[in-house]
Amino acid sequence: MSGPSSVIAIVPAAGQSSRFGSAKLLASIDGICLIDRTIGCLLDAGLERIVVVAGRRDALDAARLVHDARVSVVVNVEPSRGMFSSIQTGVAAENGNAYLVLPADMPFVRAVTVGAVLDHARAADSVVVPVFRGRRGHPILVPVGLRAHMLAADPSSTLKDVLLASAAPQIEIDVDDPGITRDVDVPNDLIADPPE
């Protein structure tokens, strides 16, 4: 049975942020930088091994939580290949019993949601996906049995396509968390509580 301590969190953070402008992941949301909110959510859920995948080693130095002892930063040398290449970089960097993927630009996910996904980590052969009002989101739990499949996939693929191609069983869990579908693309997305 896997628990939070044996699950590796992978936080892809190497995107170019072309629609947002510079330093998206260091932008402030209620006084906390975006990537610190994302990492903080994972730490609050009890994860002890978090791999942040950046485009440059110093790109996120201004963020407080990238210096936490439970967090390591690795570099995707070719982030232009897409987000999945960053996921591959993170998976290659650490061995665990499962991988929990949460993109860095999703700072509104709640720790209780991460915990709910982790509660299903014991289904060792299944992908676990949270769902809010019929929409699938992140974080996604990937069993360790798919590690080799993920590392062998085309880096320009998407996580969704790679998981579908694996034919691994998928478990969907309903959560009361709109944050699982909210990423930050433009400055207006930083509003913590947008109108319904």
C-alpha atoms as a PDB file:
ATOM      1  CA  MET A   1       0.000   0.000   0.000  1.00  0.00           C
ATOM      2  CA  SER A   2       1.324   3.413  -0.930  1.00  0.00           C
ATOM      3  CA  GLY A   3       1.083   6.395   1.361  1.00  0.00           C
ATOM      4  CA  PRO A   4       2.029  10.041   0.913  1.00  0.00           C
ATOM      5  CA  SER A   5       5.647   9.340   1.908  1.00  0.00           C
ATOM      6  CA  SER A   6       6.144   6.869  -0.944  1.00  0.00           C
ATOM      7  CA  VAL A   7       4.474   9.025  -3.607  1.00  0.00           C
ATOM      8  CA  ILE A   8       6.635  11.408  -5.626  1.00  0.00           C
ATOM      9  CA  ALA A   9       4.960  14.698  -6.570  1.00  0.00           C
ATOM     10  CA  ILE A  10       5.998  15.986  -9.986  1.00  0.00           C
ATOM     11  CA  VAL A  11       5.474  19.726 -10.556  1.00  0.00           C
ATOM     12  CA  PRO A  12       6.115  20.732 -14.194  1.00  0.00           C
ATOM     13  CA  ALA A  13       7.314  24.352 -14.061  1.00  0.00           C
ATOM     14  CA  ALA A  14       9.342  24.843 -17.247  1.00  0.00           C
ATOM     15  CA  GLY A  15       6.750  26.433 -19.518  1.00  0.00           C
ATOM     16  CA  GLN A  16       7.444  29.680 -21.340  1.00  0.00           C
ATOM     17  CA  SER A  17       4.359  31.524 -19.973  1.00  0.00           C
ATOM     18  CA  SER A  18       4.015  33.320 -23.305  1.00  0.00           C
ATOM     19  CA  ARG A  19       0.373  34.316 -22.721  1.00  0.00           C
ATOM     20  CA  PHE A  20       1.073  35.642 -19.218  1.00  0.00           C
ATOM     21  CA  GLY A  21       4.338  37.501 -19.676  1.00  0.00           C
ATOM     22  CA  SER A  22       7.443  37.069 -17.573  1.00  0.00           C
ATOM     23  CA  ALA A  23       7.761  35.384 -14.190  1.00  0.00           C
ATOM     24  CA  LYS A  24       4.266  33.882 -14.054  1.00  0.00           C
ATOM     25  CA  LEU A  25       5.176  31.365 -11.378  1.00  0.00           C
ATOM     26  CA  LEU A  26       6.488  34.129  -9.113  1.00  0.00           C
ATOM     27  CA  ALA A  27       3.355  36.276  -9.449  1.00  0.00           C
ATOM     28  CA  SER A  28       1.555  37.032  -6.189  1.00  0.00           C
ATOM     29  CA  ILE A  29      -1.813  35.593  -5.188  1.00  0.00           C
ATOM     30  CA  ASP A  30      -2.985  37.120  -1.915  1.00  0.00           C
ATOM     31  CA  GLY A  31       0.632  37.812  -0.967  1.00  0.00           C
ATOM     32  CA  ILE A  32       1.971  34.327  -1.763  1.00  0.00           C
ATOM     33  CA  CYS A  33       3.789  33.574  -4.996  1.00  0.00           C
ATOM     34  CA  LEU A  34       1.990  31.230  -7.351  1.00  0.00           C
ATOM     35  CA  ILE A  35       4.398  28.315  -7.217  1.00  0.00           C
ATOM     36  CA  ASP A  36       4.628  28.518  -3.420  1.00  0.00           C
ATOM     37  CA  ARG A  37       0.858  28.043  -3.278  1.00  0.00           C
ATOM     38  CA  THR A  38       1.121  24.975  -5.517  1.00  0.00           C
ATOM     39  CA  ILE A  39       3.998  23.435  -3.558  1.00  0.00           C
ATOM     40  CA  GLY A  40       2.394  24.391  -0.250  1.00  0.00           C
ATOM     41  CA  CYS A  41      -0.752  22.488  -1.166  1.00  0.00           C
ATOM     42  CA  LEU A  42       1.312  19.333  -1.726  1.00  0.00           C
ATOM     43  CA  LEU A  43       3.266  19.753   1.509  1.00  0.00           C
ATOM     44  CA  ASP A  44       0.049  20.389   3.470  1.00  0.00           C
ATOM     45  CA  ALA A  45      -1.295  17.112   2.083  1.00  0.00           C
ATOM     46  CA  GLY A  46       1.668  15.271   3.608  1.00  0.00           C
ATOM     47  CA  LEU A  47       3.869  14.725   0.577  1.00  0.00           C
ATOM     48  CA  GLU A  48       7.532  14.498   1.508  1.00  0.00           C
ATOM     49  CA  ARG A  49       9.194  14.249  -1.922  1.00  0.00           C
ATOM     50  CA  ILE A  50       8.382  16.933  -4.469  1.00  0.00           C
ATOM     51  CA  VAL A  51      10.238  17.351  -7.747  1.00  0.00           C
ATOM     52  CA  VAL A  52       9.882  20.739  -9.417  1.00  0.00           C
ATOM     53  CA  VAL A  53      10.939  20.685 -13.074  1.00  0.00           C
ATOM     54  CA  ALA A  54      12.190  24.081 -14.212  1.00  0.00           C
ATOM     55  CA  GLY A  55      13.611  25.393 -17.466  1.00  0.00           C
ATOM     56  CA  ARG A  56      16.628  26.849 -15.634  1.00  0.00           C
ATOM     57  CA  ARG A  57      17.995  25.950 -12.214  1.00  0.00           C
ATOM     58  CA  ASP A  58      17.804  29.553 -10.955  1.00  0.00           C
ATOM     59  CA  ALA A  59      14.431  30.413 -12.497  1.00  0.00           C
ATOM     60  CA  LEU A  60      12.477  29.912  -9.267  1.00  0.00           C
ATOM     61  CA  ASP A  61      15.081  30.924  -6.667  1.00  0.00           C
ATOM     62  CA  ALA A  62      12.856  33.769  -5.436  1.00  0.00           C
ATOM     63  CA  ALA A  63      10.173  31.290  -4.362  1.00  0.00           C
ATOM     64  CA  ARG A  64      10.471  30.286  -0.705  1.00  0.00           C
ATOM     65  CA  LEU A  65       9.281  26.685  -0.873  1.00  0.00           C
ATOM     66  CA  VAL A  66      11.619  25.521  -3.648  1.00  0.00           C
ATOM     67  CA  HIS A  67      14.287  25.687  -0.919  1.00  0.00           C
ATOM     68  CA  ASP A  68      12.345  23.374   1.425  1.00  0.00           C
ATOM     69  CA  ALA A  69      14.250  20.176   2.240  1.00  0.00           C
ATOM     70  CA  ARG A  70      11.375  18.086   0.846  1.00  0.00           C
ATOM     71  CA  VAL A  71      11.597  19.802  -2.551  1.00  0.00           C
ATOM     72  CA  SER A  72      14.171  19.243  -5.268  1.00  0.00           C
ATOM     73  CA  VAL A  73      14.541  21.195  -8.503  1.00  0.00           C
ATOM     74  CA  VAL A  74      15.601  19.474 -11.707  1.00  0.00           C
ATOM     75  CA  VAL A  75      16.035  21.022 -15.144  1.00  0.00           C
ATOM     76  CA  ASN A  76      14.259  20.123 -18.371  1.00  0.00           C
ATOM     77  CA  VAL A  77      16.939  21.028 -20.911  1.00  0.00           C
ATOM     78  CA  GLU A  78      14.398  21.158 -23.760  1.00  0.00           C
ATOM     79  CA  PRO A  79      11.136  22.519 -22.314  1.00  0.00           C
ATOM     80  CA  SER A  80      10.000  23.582 -25.796  1.00  0.00           C
ATOM     81  CA  ARG A  81       8.995  19.930 -26.331  1.00  0.00           C
ATOM     82  CA  GLY A  82       5.995  20.514 -24.063  1.00  0.00           C
ATOM     83  CA  MET A  83       4.780  19.813 -20.542  1.00  0.00           C
ATOM     84  CA  PHE A  84       4.967  16.050 -20.872  1.00  0.00           C
ATOM     85  CA  SER A  85       8.728  16.310 -21.398  1.00  0.00           C
ATOM     86  CA  SER A  86       8.924  17.999 -17.988  1.00  0.00           C
ATOM     87  CA  ILE A  87       6.849  15.221 -16.438  1.00  0.00           C
ATOM     88  CA  GLN A  88       9.294  12.701 -17.944  1.00  0.00           C
ATOM     89  CA  THR A  89      12.230  14.660 -16.510  1.00  0.00           C
ATOM     90  CA  GLY A  90      10.672  14.559 -13.048  1.00  0.00           C
ATOM     91  CA  VAL A  91       9.773  10.876 -13.241  1.00  0.00           C
ATOM     92  CA  ALA A  92      13.320  10.027 -14.374  1.00  0.00           C
ATOM     93  CA  ALA A  93      14.769  11.924 -11.412  1.00  0.00           C
ATOM     94  CA  GLU A  94      13.039   9.968  -8.628  1.00  0.00           C
ATOM     95  CA  ASN A  95      11.838   6.459  -7.848  1.00  0.00           C
ATOM     96  CA  GLY A  96       8.697   6.008  -5.783  1.00  0.00           C
ATOM     97  CA  ASN A  97       5.619   3.809  -5.499  1.00  0.00           C
ATOM     98  CA  ALA A  98       3.527   6.268  -7.508  1.00  0.00           C
ATOM     99  CA  TYR A  99       3.739   9.716  -9.085  1.00  0.00           C
ATOM    100  CA  LEU A 100       1.374  12.602  -8.432  1.00  0.00           C
ATOM    101  CA  VAL A 101       1.398  15.172 -11.238  1.00  0.00           C
ATOM    102  CA  LEU A 102       0.328  18.754 -10.456  1.00  0.00           C
ATOM    103  CA  PRO A 103       1.321  21.504 -12.916  1.00  0.00           C
ATOM    104  CA  ALA A 104       2.985  24.472 -11.212  1.00  0.00           C
ATOM    105  CA  ASP A 105       0.428  26.910 -12.603  1.00  0.00           C
ATOM    106  CA  MET A 106      -2.502  25.303 -10.740  1.00  0.00           C
ATOM    107  CA  PRO A 107      -2.311  27.163  -7.399  1.00  0.00           C
ATOM    108  CA  PHE A 108      -5.978  26.799  -6.438  1.00  0.00           C
ATOM    109  CA  VAL A 109      -6.043  23.039  -5.804  1.00  0.00           C
ATOM    110  CA  ARG A 110      -6.875  22.294  -2.166  1.00  0.00           C
ATOM    111  CA  ALA A 111      -4.729  20.097   0.057  1.00  0.00           C
ATOM    112  CA  VAL A 112      -7.819  18.046   0.990  1.00  0.00           C
ATOM    113  CA  THR A 113      -8.232  17.213  -2.715  1.00  0.00           C
ATOM    114  CA  VAL A 114      -4.631  16.032  -2.944  1.00  0.00           C
ATOM    115  CA  GLY A 115      -5.317  13.908   0.125  1.00  0.00           C
ATOM    116  CA  ALA A 116      -8.411  12.402  -1.490  1.00  0.00           C
ATOM    117  CA  VAL A 117      -6.382  11.410  -4.555  1.00  0.00           C
ATOM    118  CA  LEU A 118      -3.610   9.975  -2.364  1.00  0.00           C
ATOM    119  CA  ASP A 119      -6.181   7.902  -0.478  1.00  0.00           C
ATOM    120  CA  HIS A 120      -6.550   5.870  -3.676  1.00  0.00           C
ATOM    121  CA  ALA A 121      -2.803   5.235  -4.024  1.00  0.00           C
ATOM    122  CA  ARG A 122      -3.354   1.694  -2.710  1.00  0.00           C
ATOM    123  CA  ALA A 123      -5.009   0.850  -6.056  1.00  0.00           C
ATOM    124  CA  ALA A 124      -1.484   0.241  -7.257  1.00  0.00           C
ATOM    125  CA  ASP A 125      -2.271  -0.461 -10.908  1.00  0.00           C
ATOM    126  CA  SER A 126      -4.738   2.388 -11.480  1.00  0.00           C
ATOM    127  CA  VAL A 127      -4.472   5.988 -12.608  1.00  0.00           C
ATOM    128  CA  VAL A 128      -6.492   8.239 -10.277  1.00  0.00           C
ATOM    129  CA  VAL A 129      -8.099  11.408 -11.639  1.00  0.00           C
ATOM    130  CA  PRO A 130     -10.152  13.971  -9.669  1.00  0.00           C
ATOM    131  CA  VAL A 131     -13.402  15.213 -11.231  1.00  0.00           C
ATOM    132  CA  PHE A 132     -15.312  18.423 -10.452  1.00  0.00           C
ATOM    133  CA  ARG A 133     -18.799  18.770 -11.925  1.00  0.00           C
ATOM    134  CA  GLY A 134     -18.006  16.315 -14.677  1.00  0.00           C
ATOM    135  CA  ARG A 135     -14.639  17.853 -15.603  1.00  0.00           C
ATOM    136  CA  ARG A 136     -11.430  15.927 -15.059  1.00  0.00           C
ATOM    137  CA  GLY A 137      -8.492  17.806 -13.597  1.00  0.00           C
ATOM    138  CA  HIS A 138      -5.264  17.621 -11.573  1.00  0.00           C
ATOM    139  CA  PRO A 139      -3.497  16.270  -9.595  1.00  0.00           C
ATOM    140  CA  ILE A 140      -3.330  12.932 -11.384  1.00  0.00           C
ATOM    141  CA  LEU A 141      -1.889   9.896  -9.619  1.00  0.00           C
ATOM    142  CA  VAL A 142       0.114   7.586 -11.888  1.00  0.00           C
ATOM    143  CA  PRO A 143       1.109   4.109 -10.655  1.00  0.00           C
ATOM    144  CA  VAL A 144       4.785   3.176 -10.684  1.00  0.00           C
ATOM    145  CA  GLY A 145       3.992   0.351 -13.101  1.00  0.00           C
ATOM    146  CA  LEU A 146       3.637   2.996 -15.828  1.00  0.00           C
ATOM    147  CA  ARG A 147       7.070   4.538 -15.176  1.00  0.00           C
ATOM    148  CA  ALA A 148       8.832   2.755 -18.036  1.00  0.00           C
ATOM    149  CA  HIS A 149       5.903   3.427 -20.396  1.00  0.00           C
ATOM    150  CA  MET A 150       6.012   7.144 -19.575  1.00  0.00           C
ATOM    151  CA  LEU A 151       9.773   7.413 -19.995  1.00  0.00           C
ATOM    152  CA  ALA A 152       9.630   5.636 -23.373  1.00  0.00           C
ATOM    153  CA  ALA A 153       6.854   7.855 -24.765  1.00  0.00           C
ATOM    154  CA  ASP A 154       7.388  10.690 -27.237  1.00  0.00           C
ATOM    155  CA  PRO A 155       8.343  13.788 -25.183  1.00  0.00           C
ATOM    156  CA  SER A 156       5.980  15.893 -27.296  1.00  0.00           C
ATOM    157  CA  SER A 157       2.999  13.759 -26.244  1.00  0.00           C
ATOM    158  CA  THR A 158       0.456  14.763 -23.627  1.00  0.00           C
ATOM    159  CA  LEU A 159       0.005  13.004 -20.303  1.00  0.00           C
ATOM    160  CA  LYS A 160      -3.598  12.259 -21.238  1.00  0.00           C
ATOM    161  CA  ASP A 161      -2.608  10.545 -24.483  1.00  0.00           C
ATOM    162  CA  VAL A 162       0.214   8.571 -22.864  1.00  0.00           C
ATOM    163  CA  LEU A 163      -2.079   7.292 -20.119  1.00  0.00           C
ATOM    164  CA  LEU A 164      -4.755   6.323 -22.632  1.00  0.00           C
ATOM    165  CA  ALA A 165      -2.192   4.474 -24.739  1.00  0.00           C
ATOM    166  CA  SER A 166      -1.068   2.534 -21.679  1.00  0.00           C
ATOM    167  CA  ALA A 167      -4.568   1.037 -21.297  1.00  0.00           C
ATOM    168  CA  ALA A 168      -4.115   1.228 -17.517  1.00  0.00           C
ATOM    169  CA  PRO A 169      -7.365   1.270 -15.533  1.00  0.00           C
ATOM    170  CA  GLN A 170      -8.480   4.717 -14.402  1.00  0.00           C
ATOM    171  CA  ILE A 171     -10.387   5.655 -11.270  1.00  0.00           C
ATOM    172  CA  GLU A 172     -12.307   8.941 -11.255  1.00  0.00           C
ATOM    173  CA  ILE A 173     -13.085  10.492  -7.886  1.00  0.00           C
ATOM    174  CA  ASP A 174     -15.581  13.314  -7.431  1.00  0.00           C
ATOM    175  CA  VAL A 175     -14.208  16.264  -5.475  1.00  0.00           C
ATOM    176  CA  ASP A 176     -15.721  19.574  -4.398  1.00  0.00           C
ATOM    177  CA  ASP A 177     -12.814  21.630  -5.669  1.00  0.00           C
ATOM    178  CA  PRO A 178     -13.042  23.911  -8.722  1.00  0.00           C
ATOM    179  CA  GLY A 179      -9.270  24.421  -8.427  1.00  0.00           C
ATOM    180  CA  ILE A 180      -8.579  21.074 -10.106  1.00  0.00           C
ATOM    181  CA  THR A 181      -9.531  22.593 -13.476  1.00  0.00           C
ATOM    182  CA  ARG A 182      -8.091  26.097 -12.971  1.00  0.00           C
ATOM    183  CA  ASP A 183      -4.681  26.915 -14.358  1.00  0.00           C
ATOM    184  CA  VAL A 184      -3.156  30.369 -14.702  1.00  0.00           C
ATOM    185  CA  ASP A 185      -2.600  31.493 -18.281  1.00  0.00           C
ATOM    186  CA  VAL A 186      -3.129  35.264 -18.104  1.00  0.00           C
ATOM    187  CA  PRO A 187      -2.917  37.804 -15.220  1.00  0.00           C
ATOM    188  CA  ASN A 188      -6.693  37.865 -14.688  1.00  0.00           C
ATOM    189  CA  ASP A 189      -6.493  34.164 -13.785  1.00  0.00           C
ATOM    190  CA  LEU A 190      -4.708  35.166 -10.563  1.00  0.00           C
ATOM    191  CA  ILE A 191      -7.975  36.248  -8.927  1.00  0.00           C
ATOM    192  CA  ALA A 192      -8.368  33.792  -6.069  1.00  0.00           C
ATOM    193  CA  ASP A 193     -12.173  33.737  -6.066  1.00  0.00           C
ATOM    194  CA  PRO A 194     -13.516  34.592  -9.518  1.00  0.00           C
ATOM    195  CA  PRO A 195     -17.259  35.118  -9.896  1.00  0.00           C
ATOM    196  CA  GLU A 196     -19.249  31.989 -10.796  1.00  0.00           C
END
